[in-house]
Amino acid sequence: MASVDNNLALTGIRTMDEQVERALAQRKETMYLIAGFAGLALLLAIIGLYGVISYSVTQRTAEIGIRQAIGAQRSDILRMVMGQGLRLSVGGIVVGALGAALLTRMIARLLFQVSATDPLTFLSIAAIFLVVGLGASLLPAWRATRIDPLEALRTR
């Protein structure tokens, strides 16, 4: 710059990496905020699904006791409760995917090098929620297999 004009003031000199970092800083902050809310939503989904399944098992204690008394195996009870959790999870995934597909235009400008309707993203998030749903159903299902049939029938 000095060879071109000695009187030029040189201020705010930054490398290209610093310039790019400054240009993307607001987008990064926004995406971190969105990711934080997504994590919170995932935690709330886990707690909610666990609560619903656990409450359902508590309400169905007598039924589970009767099923065991007439010959249901622990694997049958486990499959029944896990199936309920799976149905709730799949329903939530379908509703969430439809809602996300409708709202993609709102976030499209925030995305960088990925489409708002990227099928891999939709499938991976659905898979994560499916695993989370099954995981949240596992403890209530395991507790349901430990119900003593005689105790369950006495409490009725």
Protein backbone atom coordinates (compact mmCIF):
# COMPACT_ATOMS: atom_id res chain seq x y z
CA MET A 1 0.00 0.00 0.00
CA ALA A 2 2.88 2.38 0.78
CA SER A 3 4.30 1.87 -2.70
CA VAL A 4 0.99 3.05 -4.19
CA ASP A 5 0.38 6.01 -1.88
CA ASN A 6 2.28 6.92 1.30
CA ASN A 7 -0.61 9.06 2.56
CA LEU A 8 -3.15 6.22 2.75
CA ALA A 9 -4.28 5.45 6.29
CA LEU A 10 -4.09 1.77 7.10
CA THR A 11 -6.71 0.89 9.71
CA GLY A 12 -8.69 -2.21 10.42
CA ILE A 13 -6.27 -4.58 8.75
CA ARG A 14 -7.44 -8.17 9.11
CA THR A 15 -6.72 -11.49 7.52
CA MET A 16 -9.27 -13.04 5.20
CA ASP A 17 -10.09 -15.66 7.86
CA GLU A 18 -10.86 -12.88 10.35
CA GLN A 19 -13.06 -11.10 7.79
CA VAL A 20 -15.02 -14.30 7.08
CA GLU A 21 -15.34 -14.98 10.81
CA ARG A 22 -16.74 -11.49 11.43
CA ALA A 23 -19.16 -11.82 8.51
CA LEU A 24 -20.52 -15.16 9.79
CA ALA A 25 -20.51 -14.32 13.51
CA GLN A 26 -24.17 -13.32 13.69
CA ARG A 27 -25.29 -16.40 11.77
CA LYS A 28 -23.22 -18.62 14.05
CA GLU A 29 -24.73 -17.05 17.15
CA THR A 30 -28.21 -17.53 15.74
CA MET A 31 -27.51 -21.16 14.91
CA TYR A 32 -26.06 -21.79 18.40
CA LEU A 33 -29.23 -20.33 19.87
CA ILE A 34 -31.41 -22.50 17.64
CA ALA A 35 -29.32 -25.57 18.50
CA GLY A 36 -29.74 -24.79 22.20
CA PHE A 37 -33.49 -24.58 21.83
CA ALA A 38 -33.48 -27.80 19.80
CA GLY A 39 -31.58 -29.53 22.59
CA LEU A 40 -34.08 -28.21 25.11
CA ALA A 41 -36.94 -29.44 22.92
CA LEU A 42 -35.32 -32.88 22.76
CA LEU A 43 -34.99 -32.96 26.55
CA LEU A 44 -38.63 -31.95 26.96
CA ALA A 45 -39.67 -34.64 24.48
CA ILE A 46 -37.77 -37.27 26.48
CA ILE A 47 -39.29 -36.15 29.77
CA GLY A 48 -42.79 -35.88 28.29
CA LEU A 49 -42.76 -39.26 26.61
CA TYR A 50 -41.27 -40.90 29.69
CA GLY A 51 -43.99 -39.31 31.82
CA VAL A 52 -46.82 -40.40 29.53
CA ILE A 53 -45.59 -43.99 29.25
CA SER A 54 -44.85 -44.20 32.97
CA TYR A 55 -48.31 -42.88 33.84
CA SER A 56 -49.88 -45.31 31.39
CA VAL A 57 -48.06 -48.23 33.01
CA THR A 58 -49.21 -47.05 36.43
CA GLN A 59 -52.81 -46.80 35.22
CA ARG A 60 -52.62 -50.22 33.57
CA THR A 61 -51.04 -52.05 36.51
CA ALA A 62 -54.12 -54.20 37.10
CA GLU A 63 -54.39 -55.02 33.39
CA ILE A 64 -50.72 -55.97 33.24
CA GLY A 65 -51.15 -58.11 36.36
CA ILE A 66 -54.12 -59.92 34.77
CA ARG A 67 -52.15 -60.46 31.55
CA GLN A 68 -49.30 -61.98 33.54
CA ALA A 69 -51.70 -64.10 35.60
CA ILE A 70 -53.20 -65.66 32.48
CA GLY A 71 -49.82 -66.44 30.99
CA ALA A 72 -48.28 -63.38 29.38
CA GLN A 73 -44.49 -63.51 29.40
CA ARG A 74 -42.28 -60.62 30.41
CA SER A 75 -41.28 -60.21 26.77
CA ASP A 76 -44.97 -59.79 25.85
CA ILE A 77 -45.41 -57.03 28.44
CA LEU A 78 -42.17 -55.38 27.34
CA ARG A 79 -43.27 -55.49 23.70
CA MET A 80 -46.70 -54.06 24.59
CA VAL A 81 -45.32 -51.06 26.48
CA MET A 82 -42.48 -50.43 24.02
CA GLY A 83 -45.03 -50.62 21.18
CA GLN A 84 -47.09 -47.92 22.85
CA GLY A 85 -43.98 -45.74 23.12
CA LEU A 86 -43.11 -46.46 19.50
CA ARG A 87 -46.59 -45.46 18.31
CA LEU A 88 -46.41 -42.20 20.25
CA SER A 89 -42.92 -41.51 18.88
CA VAL A 90 -43.88 -42.19 15.28
CA GLY A 91 -46.94 -39.98 15.62
CA GLY A 92 -44.81 -37.17 17.00
CA ILE A 93 -42.21 -37.63 14.27
CA VAL A 94 -44.85 -37.45 11.53
CA VAL A 95 -46.46 -34.32 12.98
CA GLY A 96 -43.04 -32.74 13.58
CA ALA A 97 -41.80 -33.54 10.08
CA LEU A 98 -44.92 -32.05 8.51
CA GLY A 99 -44.57 -28.94 10.65
CA ALA A 100 -40.88 -28.64 9.81
CA ALA A 101 -41.59 -29.06 6.10
CA LEU A 102 -44.12 -26.24 6.26
CA LEU A 103 -41.74 -23.92 8.15
CA THR A 104 -38.59 -24.51 6.08
CA ARG A 105 -38.95 -21.22 4.21
CA MET A 106 -38.50 -19.34 7.46
CA ILE A 107 -35.09 -20.86 8.19
CA ALA A 108 -33.82 -21.30 4.63
CA ARG A 109 -31.86 -18.05 4.72
CA LEU A 110 -30.08 -19.09 7.92
CA LEU A 111 -28.66 -22.26 6.40
CA PHE A 112 -25.26 -22.49 4.77
CA GLN A 113 -24.41 -25.17 2.19
CA VAL A 114 -27.47 -27.28 3.01
CA SER A 115 -31.00 -27.23 1.67
CA ALA A 116 -33.88 -26.50 4.03
CA THR A 117 -35.57 -29.67 2.77
CA ASP A 118 -32.46 -31.86 2.93
CA PRO A 119 -33.78 -35.45 3.12
CA LEU A 120 -30.72 -36.70 5.00
CA THR A 121 -31.32 -34.12 7.74
CA PHE A 122 -35.00 -35.00 8.01
CA LEU A 123 -34.24 -38.73 8.16
CA SER A 124 -31.43 -38.38 10.68
CA ILE A 125 -33.54 -36.21 13.00
CA ALA A 126 -36.43 -38.69 12.70
CA ALA A 127 -34.04 -41.53 13.56
CA ILE A 128 -32.71 -39.62 16.57
CA PHE A 129 -36.23 -38.99 17.85
CA LEU A 130 -37.16 -42.62 17.27
CA VAL A 131 -34.19 -43.81 19.33
CA VAL A 132 -34.95 -41.22 22.01
CA GLY A 133 -38.59 -42.33 22.10
CA LEU A 134 -37.66 -45.96 22.48
CA GLY A 135 -35.11 -45.05 25.14
CA ALA A 136 -37.70 -43.04 27.08
CA SER A 137 -40.08 -46.03 26.93
CA LEU A 138 -37.51 -48.53 28.10
CA LEU A 139 -37.58 -47.81 31.86
CA PRO A 140 -41.40 -47.84 32.19
CA ALA A 141 -41.51 -51.00 30.06
CA TRP A 142 -38.90 -52.67 32.25
CA ARG A 143 -40.84 -51.65 35.38
CA ALA A 144 -44.02 -53.08 33.85
CA THR A 145 -42.33 -56.47 33.48
CA ARG A 146 -41.52 -56.41 37.22
CA ILE A 147 -45.15 -56.03 38.32
CA ASP A 148 -46.20 -58.83 40.65
CA PRO A 149 -49.53 -60.23 39.37
CA LEU A 150 -50.89 -60.87 42.88
CA GLU A 151 -50.05 -57.37 44.09
CA ALA A 152 -51.55 -55.84 40.95
CA LEU A 153 -54.78 -57.75 41.41
CA ARG A 154 -55.00 -56.82 45.13
CA THR A 155 -54.68 -53.11 44.43
CA ARG A 156 -57.59 -53.20 42.02
